[in-house]
């Protein structure tokens, strides 16, 4: 599902990624761990085509991102990649259903179909009775569930998550972590998760350890 080959990235004089190669299979849940500054988030952003590597190649679901212009990359991200971040980035003026619909509408999906997908996903993540609440009326865990549903609305090839439970209390964190595996079982979804949460990292199918811009385990 994902193949990154010899990825290199520097910011000024600082070499953040030093020839990283990684393959992730379809339906796999992979965690990426390591100390702050190890290059985890930079690697995730390059996988998600949010950053351009200085060298190497990224392939997702059989398509190579290199050579695409900005418009093509935006379309590729919208269709192939779902993102979940530590902070939910929900639009405060819209309710949960409308937030989940947004990537589908941006991708040109008819409103009726986008609404159907959003309702189905909110039911799937346990928020059937909260879909008309705006973010301010939702708990942190509920907001993160909305963000996960939003990441799934276009049936992406892969979901990339950066510290998805890092801003939650321990009980809510466990619920959100469990949700990733439930969704994999129900939908066959592929997840790559950058995390400092050792429980989440250890329950993944595979744990990747990064240090100083390289994969060491």
C-alpha atoms as a PDB file:
ATOM      1  CA  UNK A   1       0.000   0.000   0.000  1.00  0.00           C
ATOM      2  CA  UNK A   2       2.872   2.381   0.827  1.00  0.00           C
ATOM      3  CA  UNK A   3       6.432   2.255  -0.360  1.00  0.00           C
ATOM      4  CA  UNK A   4       9.032   4.885   0.468  1.00  0.00           C
ATOM      5  CA  UNK A   5      12.486   4.401  -0.930  1.00  0.00           C
ATOM      6  CA  UNK A   6      15.691   6.125   0.231  1.00  0.00           C
ATOM      7  CA  UNK A   7      13.906   9.264   1.451  1.00  0.00           C
ATOM      8  CA  UNK A   8      16.175  12.161   2.331  1.00  0.00           C
ATOM      9  CA  UNK A   9      15.199  15.549   3.714  1.00  0.00           C
ATOM     10  CA  UNK A  10      17.125  18.488   5.121  1.00  0.00           C
ATOM     11  CA  UNK A  11      16.050  21.805   6.553  1.00  0.00           C
ATOM     12  CA  UNK A  12      18.955  24.167   6.060  1.00  0.00           C
ATOM     13  CA  UNK A  13      22.040  22.471   7.457  1.00  0.00           C
ATOM     14  CA  UNK A  14      20.035  19.948   9.472  1.00  0.00           C
ATOM     15  CA  UNK A  15      19.629  16.539   7.846  1.00  0.00           C
ATOM     16  CA  UNK A  16      16.320  15.255   9.204  1.00  0.00           C
ATOM     17  CA  UNK A  17      15.894  12.074   7.132  1.00  0.00           C
ATOM     18  CA  UNK A  18      18.907  10.068   6.005  1.00  0.00           C
ATOM     19  CA  UNK A  19      17.853   7.497   3.462  1.00  0.00           C
ATOM     20  CA  UNK A  20      14.663   6.058   4.945  1.00  0.00           C
ATOM     21  CA  UNK A  21      13.013   3.102   3.201  1.00  0.00           C
ATOM     22  CA  UNK A  22       9.780   1.481   4.364  1.00  0.00           C
ATOM     23  CA  UNK A  23       6.983  -0.687   2.987  1.00  0.00           C
ATOM     24  CA  UNK A  24       3.502  -0.927   4.521  1.00  0.00           C
ATOM     25  CA  UNK A  25       1.091  -3.634   3.458  1.00  0.00           C
ATOM     26  CA  UNK A  26      -2.615  -3.256   2.731  1.00  0.00           C
ATOM     27  CA  UNK A  27      -4.675  -3.413   5.918  1.00  0.00           C
ATOM     28  CA  UNK A  28      -1.612  -3.122   8.146  1.00  0.00           C
ATOM     29  CA  UNK A  29      -1.457  -0.935  11.265  1.00  0.00           C
ATOM     30  CA  UNK A  30       2.098   0.357  11.641  1.00  0.00           C
ATOM     31  CA  UNK A  31       3.345   2.580  14.456  1.00  0.00           C
ATOM     32  CA  UNK A  32       6.400   4.817  14.188  1.00  0.00           C
ATOM     33  CA  UNK A  33       8.144   5.700  17.435  1.00  0.00           C
ATOM     34  CA  UNK A  34      11.304   7.475  18.510  1.00  0.00           C
ATOM     35  CA  UNK A  35      12.557  10.471  20.427  1.00  0.00           C
ATOM     36  CA  UNK A  36      11.509  13.986  19.476  1.00  0.00           C
ATOM     37  CA  UNK A  37      13.590  15.118  16.507  1.00  0.00           C
ATOM     38  CA  UNK A  38      14.057  11.581  15.165  1.00  0.00           C
ATOM     39  CA  UNK A  39      12.269  12.500  11.913  1.00  0.00           C
ATOM     40  CA  UNK A  40       8.942  10.734  12.503  1.00  0.00           C
ATOM     41  CA  UNK A  41       6.609  13.592  11.621  1.00  0.00           C
ATOM     42  CA  UNK A  42       8.740  14.665   8.668  1.00  0.00           C
ATOM     43  CA  UNK A  43       8.556  11.133   7.289  1.00  0.00           C
ATOM     44  CA  UNK A  44       4.780  11.071   7.786  1.00  0.00           C
ATOM     45  CA  UNK A  45       4.386  14.419   6.012  1.00  0.00           C
ATOM     46  CA  UNK A  46       6.459  13.168   3.082  1.00  0.00           C
ATOM     47  CA  UNK A  47       4.354   9.989   2.922  1.00  0.00           C
ATOM     48  CA  UNK A  48       1.301  12.235   2.813  1.00  0.00           C
ATOM     49  CA  UNK A  49       2.816  14.431   0.059  1.00  0.00           C
ATOM     50  CA  UNK A  50       2.611  17.460   2.353  1.00  0.00           C
ATOM     51  CA  UNK A  51       6.394  17.801   2.082  1.00  0.00           C
ATOM     52  CA  UNK A  52       8.625  17.122  -0.907  1.00  0.00           C
ATOM     53  CA  UNK A  53      11.710  14.999  -0.179  1.00  0.00           C
ATOM     54  CA  UNK A  54      15.149  16.091  -1.307  1.00  0.00           C
ATOM     55  CA  UNK A  55      15.718  12.601  -2.627  1.00  0.00           C
ATOM     56  CA  UNK A  56      13.956   9.253  -2.897  1.00  0.00           C
ATOM     57  CA  UNK A  57      10.461   8.243  -3.966  1.00  0.00           C
ATOM     58  CA  UNK A  58       7.005   7.788  -2.418  1.00  0.00           C
ATOM     59  CA  UNK A  59       4.466   5.341  -3.831  1.00  0.00           C
ATOM     60  CA  UNK A  60       0.925   4.936  -2.481  1.00  0.00           C
ATOM     61  CA  UNK A  61      -1.514   2.347  -3.787  1.00  0.00           C
ATOM     62  CA  UNK A  62       0.614   1.836  -6.888  1.00  0.00           C
ATOM     63  CA  UNK A  63       0.975   5.511  -7.762  1.00  0.00           C
ATOM     64  CA  UNK A  64       4.177   7.528  -7.476  1.00  0.00           C
ATOM     65  CA  UNK A  65       3.822  11.070  -6.145  1.00  0.00           C
ATOM     66  CA  UNK A  66       6.948  12.485  -7.784  1.00  0.00           C
ATOM     67  CA  UNK A  67       6.351  14.563 -10.888  1.00  0.00           C
ATOM     68  CA  UNK A  68       2.852  15.679  -9.904  1.00  0.00           C
ATOM     69  CA  UNK A  69       2.088  19.396  -9.910  1.00  0.00           C
ATOM     70  CA  UNK A  70       0.352  21.088  -6.957  1.00  0.00           C
ATOM     71  CA  UNK A  71      -3.136  20.542  -8.341  1.00  0.00           C
ATOM     72  CA  UNK A  72      -2.471  16.872  -9.056  1.00  0.00           C
ATOM     73  CA  UNK A  73      -0.988  16.398  -5.579  1.00  0.00           C
ATOM     74  CA  UNK A  74      -4.024  18.010  -3.940  1.00  0.00           C
ATOM     75  CA  UNK A  75      -6.344  15.674  -5.847  1.00  0.00           C
ATOM     76  CA  UNK A  76      -4.130  12.691  -5.019  1.00  0.00           C
ATOM     77  CA  UNK A  77      -4.169  13.540  -1.303  1.00  0.00           C
ATOM     78  CA  UNK A  78      -7.925  14.043  -1.294  1.00  0.00           C
ATOM     79  CA  UNK A  79      -8.561  10.682  -2.950  1.00  0.00           C
ATOM     80  CA  UNK A  80      -5.836   8.474  -1.501  1.00  0.00           C
ATOM     81  CA  UNK A  81      -4.830   9.792   1.927  1.00  0.00           C
ATOM     82  CA  UNK A  82      -6.695  10.540   5.138  1.00  0.00           C
ATOM     83  CA  UNK A  83      -5.023  12.587   7.865  1.00  0.00           C
ATOM     84  CA  UNK A  84      -5.567  12.583  11.633  1.00  0.00           C
ATOM     85  CA  UNK A  85      -3.588  15.019  13.770  1.00  0.00           C
ATOM     86  CA  UNK A  86      -3.079  15.539  17.504  1.00  0.00           C
ATOM     87  CA  UNK A  87      -5.275  18.626  17.333  1.00  0.00           C
ATOM     88  CA  UNK A  88      -8.538  17.954  15.587  1.00  0.00           C
ATOM     89  CA  UNK A  89      -8.649  20.957  13.220  1.00  0.00           C
ATOM     90  CA  UNK A  90     -12.424  20.776  13.029  1.00  0.00           C
ATOM     91  CA  UNK A  91     -14.227  23.788  11.582  1.00  0.00           C
ATOM     92  CA  UNK A  92     -16.027  25.360  14.572  1.00  0.00           C
ATOM     93  CA  UNK A  93     -18.940  26.788  12.609  1.00  0.00           C
ATOM     94  CA  UNK A  94     -19.978  23.377  11.233  1.00  0.00           C
ATOM     95  CA  UNK A  95     -21.455  20.407  13.067  1.00  0.00           C
ATOM     96  CA  UNK A  96     -19.861  16.952  13.172  1.00  0.00           C
ATOM     97  CA  UNK A  97     -21.683  15.709  10.081  1.00  0.00           C
ATOM     98  CA  UNK A  98     -20.713  18.765   8.048  1.00  0.00           C
ATOM     99  CA  UNK A  99     -17.068  18.495   9.147  1.00  0.00           C
ATOM    100  CA  UNK A 100     -16.941  14.884   8.019  1.00  0.00           C
ATOM    101  CA  UNK A 101     -18.590  15.742   4.696  1.00  0.00           C
ATOM    102  CA  UNK A 102     -16.058  18.454   3.844  1.00  0.00           C
ATOM    103  CA  UNK A 103     -13.312  16.390   2.113  1.00  0.00           C
ATOM    104  CA  UNK A 104     -15.953  14.592   0.032  1.00  0.00           C
ATOM    105  CA  UNK A 105     -17.499  17.883  -1.090  1.00  0.00           C
ATOM    106  CA  UNK A 106     -14.055  19.246  -1.926  1.00  0.00           C
ATOM    107  CA  UNK A 107     -13.467  16.109  -3.999  1.00  0.00           C
ATOM    108  CA  UNK A 108     -16.618  16.740  -6.026  1.00  0.00           C
ATOM    109  CA  UNK A 109     -18.841  14.131  -4.395  1.00  0.00           C
ATOM    110  CA  UNK A 110     -22.555  15.098  -4.667  1.00  0.00           C
ATOM    111  CA  UNK A 111     -23.911  16.519  -1.423  1.00  0.00           C
ATOM    112  CA  UNK A 112     -26.439  13.725  -0.900  1.00  0.00           C
ATOM    113  CA  UNK A 113     -23.730  11.056  -1.204  1.00  0.00           C
ATOM    114  CA  UNK A 114     -21.327  13.025   1.021  1.00  0.00           C
ATOM    115  CA  UNK A 115     -24.082  13.290   3.631  1.00  0.00           C
ATOM    116  CA  UNK A 116     -24.758   9.527   3.439  1.00  0.00           C
ATOM    117  CA  UNK A 117     -21.070   8.718   3.882  1.00  0.00           C
ATOM    118  CA  UNK A 118     -20.723  11.114   6.814  1.00  0.00           C
ATOM    119  CA  UNK A 119     -23.744   9.689   8.634  1.00  0.00           C
ATOM    120  CA  UNK A 120     -22.546   6.111   8.103  1.00  0.00           C
ATOM    121  CA  UNK A 121     -19.052   6.887   9.370  1.00  0.00           C
ATOM    122  CA  UNK A 122     -20.273   8.799  12.406  1.00  0.00           C
ATOM    123  CA  UNK A 123     -22.421   5.783  13.272  1.00  0.00           C
ATOM    124  CA  UNK A 124     -19.363   3.562  12.767  1.00  0.00           C
ATOM    125  CA  UNK A 125     -17.262   5.605  15.223  1.00  0.00           C
ATOM    126  CA  UNK A 126     -20.074   5.681  17.779  1.00  0.00           C
ATOM    127  CA  UNK A 127     -21.355   9.216  17.271  1.00  0.00           C
ATOM    128  CA  UNK A 128     -24.770   8.630  15.715  1.00  0.00           C
ATOM    129  CA  UNK A 129     -26.398  10.758  18.417  1.00  0.00           C
ATOM    130  CA  UNK A 130     -23.799  13.560  18.219  1.00  0.00           C
ATOM    131  CA  UNK A 131     -23.611  14.260  14.499  1.00  0.00           C
ATOM    132  CA  UNK A 132     -25.508  17.556  14.721  1.00  0.00           C
ATOM    133  CA  UNK A 133     -23.343  18.940  17.529  1.00  0.00           C
ATOM    134  CA  UNK A 134     -20.682  21.531  16.771  1.00  0.00           C
ATOM    135  CA  UNK A 135     -17.101  20.891  17.978  1.00  0.00           C
ATOM    136  CA  UNK A 136     -17.483  23.136  21.042  1.00  0.00           C
ATOM    137  CA  UNK A 137     -20.256  20.840  22.292  1.00  0.00           C
ATOM    138  CA  UNK A 138     -18.148  17.676  21.891  1.00  0.00           C
ATOM    139  CA  UNK A 139     -15.548  16.197  24.231  1.00  0.00           C
ATOM    140  CA  UNK A 140     -11.938  15.846  23.131  1.00  0.00           C
ATOM    141  CA  UNK A 141     -12.434  12.166  22.398  1.00  0.00           C
ATOM    142  CA  UNK A 142     -15.591  12.844  20.422  1.00  0.00           C
ATOM    143  CA  UNK A 143     -13.821  15.514  18.402  1.00  0.00           C
ATOM    144  CA  UNK A 144     -11.039  13.081  17.583  1.00  0.00           C
ATOM    145  CA  UNK A 145     -13.601  10.489  16.476  1.00  0.00           C
ATOM    146  CA  UNK A 146     -15.092  13.100  14.157  1.00  0.00           C
ATOM    147  CA  UNK A 147     -11.593  13.785  12.805  1.00  0.00           C
ATOM    148  CA  UNK A 148     -11.075  10.061  12.182  1.00  0.00           C
ATOM    149  CA  UNK A 149     -14.433   9.801  10.394  1.00  0.00           C
ATOM    150  CA  UNK A 150     -13.464  12.820   8.293  1.00  0.00           C
ATOM    151  CA  UNK A 151     -10.186  11.116   7.351  1.00  0.00           C
ATOM    152  CA  UNK A 152     -12.159   8.102   6.104  1.00  0.00           C
ATOM    153  CA  UNK A 153     -14.923   9.835   4.153  1.00  0.00           C
ATOM    154  CA  UNK A 154     -13.257   9.454   0.746  1.00  0.00           C
ATOM    155  CA  UNK A 155     -12.313   5.803   1.395  1.00  0.00           C
ATOM    156  CA  UNK A 156      -8.595   6.606   1.238  1.00  0.00           C
ATOM    157  CA  UNK A 157      -5.948   4.019   0.525  1.00  0.00           C
ATOM    158  CA  UNK A 158      -4.201   4.910   3.776  1.00  0.00           C
ATOM    159  CA  UNK A 159      -4.759   6.960   6.923  1.00  0.00           C
ATOM    160  CA  UNK A 160      -1.746   8.781   8.348  1.00  0.00           C
ATOM    161  CA  UNK A 161      -2.047   9.781  11.998  1.00  0.00           C
ATOM    162  CA  UNK A 162       0.339  12.061  13.903  1.00  0.00           C
ATOM    163  CA  UNK A 163       0.031  11.693  17.700  1.00  0.00           C
ATOM    164  CA  UNK A 164      -3.731  11.073  17.386  1.00  0.00           C
ATOM    165  CA  UNK A 165      -4.197  10.370  21.089  1.00  0.00           C
ATOM    166  CA  UNK A 166      -1.547  12.735  22.405  1.00  0.00           C
ATOM    167  CA  UNK A 167      -4.019  15.397  23.541  1.00  0.00           C
ATOM    168  CA  UNK A 168      -6.440  13.061  25.328  1.00  0.00           C
ATOM    169  CA  UNK A 169      -6.832  11.739  28.862  1.00  0.00           C
ATOM    170  CA  UNK A 170      -5.876   8.118  29.448  1.00  0.00           C
ATOM    171  CA  UNK A 171      -9.387   6.627  29.289  1.00  0.00           C
ATOM    172  CA  UNK A 172     -10.309   8.515  26.126  1.00  0.00           C
ATOM    173  CA  UNK A 173      -6.921   7.711  24.620  1.00  0.00           C
ATOM    174  CA  UNK A 174      -7.578   3.990  25.047  1.00  0.00           C
ATOM    175  CA  UNK A 175     -10.979   4.344  23.343  1.00  0.00           C
ATOM    176  CA  UNK A 176      -9.497   6.198  20.372  1.00  0.00           C
ATOM    177  CA  UNK A 177      -6.610   3.742  20.082  1.00  0.00           C
ATOM    178  CA  UNK A 178      -9.051   0.817  20.034  1.00  0.00           C
ATOM    179  CA  UNK A 179     -11.016   2.557  17.299  1.00  0.00           C
ATOM    180  CA  UNK A 180      -8.110   2.296  14.846  1.00  0.00           C
ATOM    181  CA  UNK A 181      -8.075  -1.487  15.150  1.00  0.00           C
ATOM    182  CA  UNK A 182     -11.867  -1.725  15.009  1.00  0.00           C
ATOM    183  CA  UNK A 183     -11.822   0.260  11.765  1.00  0.00           C
ATOM    184  CA  UNK A 184      -9.107  -1.961  10.335  1.00  0.00           C
ATOM    185  CA  UNK A 185     -11.262  -5.006  11.078  1.00  0.00           C
ATOM    186  CA  UNK A 186     -14.446  -3.446   9.678  1.00  0.00           C
ATOM    187  CA  UNK A 187     -13.053  -1.553   6.695  1.00  0.00           C
ATOM    188  CA  UNK A 188      -9.676  -3.156   5.972  1.00  0.00           C
ATOM    189  CA  UNK A 189      -8.104   0.270   6.443  1.00  0.00           C
ATOM    190  CA  UNK A 190      -4.329   0.808   6.407  1.00  0.00           C
ATOM    191  CA  UNK A 191      -2.948   3.029   9.186  1.00  0.00           C
ATOM    192  CA  UNK A 192       0.481   4.551   9.787  1.00  0.00           C
ATOM    193  CA  UNK A 193       0.588   6.161  13.225  1.00  0.00           C
ATOM    194  CA  UNK A 194       3.331   8.338  14.694  1.00  0.00           C
ATOM    195  CA  UNK A 195       2.998   8.111  18.462  1.00  0.00           C
ATOM    196  CA  UNK A 196       4.673   8.429  21.839  1.00  0.00           C
ATOM    197  CA  UNK A 197       1.947   6.222  23.309  1.00  0.00           C
ATOM    198  CA  UNK A 198       3.718   2.963  24.056  1.00  0.00           C
ATOM    199  CA  UNK A 199       0.463   1.039  24.463  1.00  0.00           C
ATOM    200  CA  UNK A 200      -0.729   2.049  20.998  1.00  0.00           C
ATOM    201  CA  UNK A 201       2.709   1.485  19.479  1.00  0.00           C
ATOM    202  CA  UNK A 202       3.031  -2.000  20.940  1.00  0.00           C
ATOM    203  CA  UNK A 203      -0.413  -3.168  19.844  1.00  0.00           C
ATOM    204  CA  UNK A 204       0.240  -2.232  16.211  1.00  0.00           C
ATOM    205  CA  UNK A 205       1.030  -5.006  13.741  1.00  0.00           C
ATOM    206  CA  UNK A 206       4.527  -3.597  13.469  1.00  0.00           C
ATOM    207  CA  UNK A 207       6.476  -0.976  15.434  1.00  0.00           C
ATOM    208  CA  UNK A 208       9.101   1.061  13.568  1.00  0.00           C
ATOM    209  CA  UNK A 209      11.769   2.780  15.681  1.00  0.00           C
ATOM    210  CA  UNK A 210      13.455   5.885  14.292  1.00  0.00           C
ATOM    211  CA  UNK A 211      16.577   7.606  15.577  1.00  0.00           C
ATOM    212  CA  UNK A 212      18.564  10.475  14.060  1.00  0.00           C
ATOM    213  CA  UNK A 213      16.707  10.375  10.765  1.00  0.00           C
ATOM    214  CA  UNK A 214      16.994   6.631  10.205  1.00  0.00           C
ATOM    215  CA  UNK A 215      14.959   3.513  10.860  1.00  0.00           C
ATOM    216  CA  UNK A 216      16.923   1.504  13.410  1.00  0.00           C
ATOM    217  CA  UNK A 217      14.418  -1.273  14.167  1.00  0.00           C
END
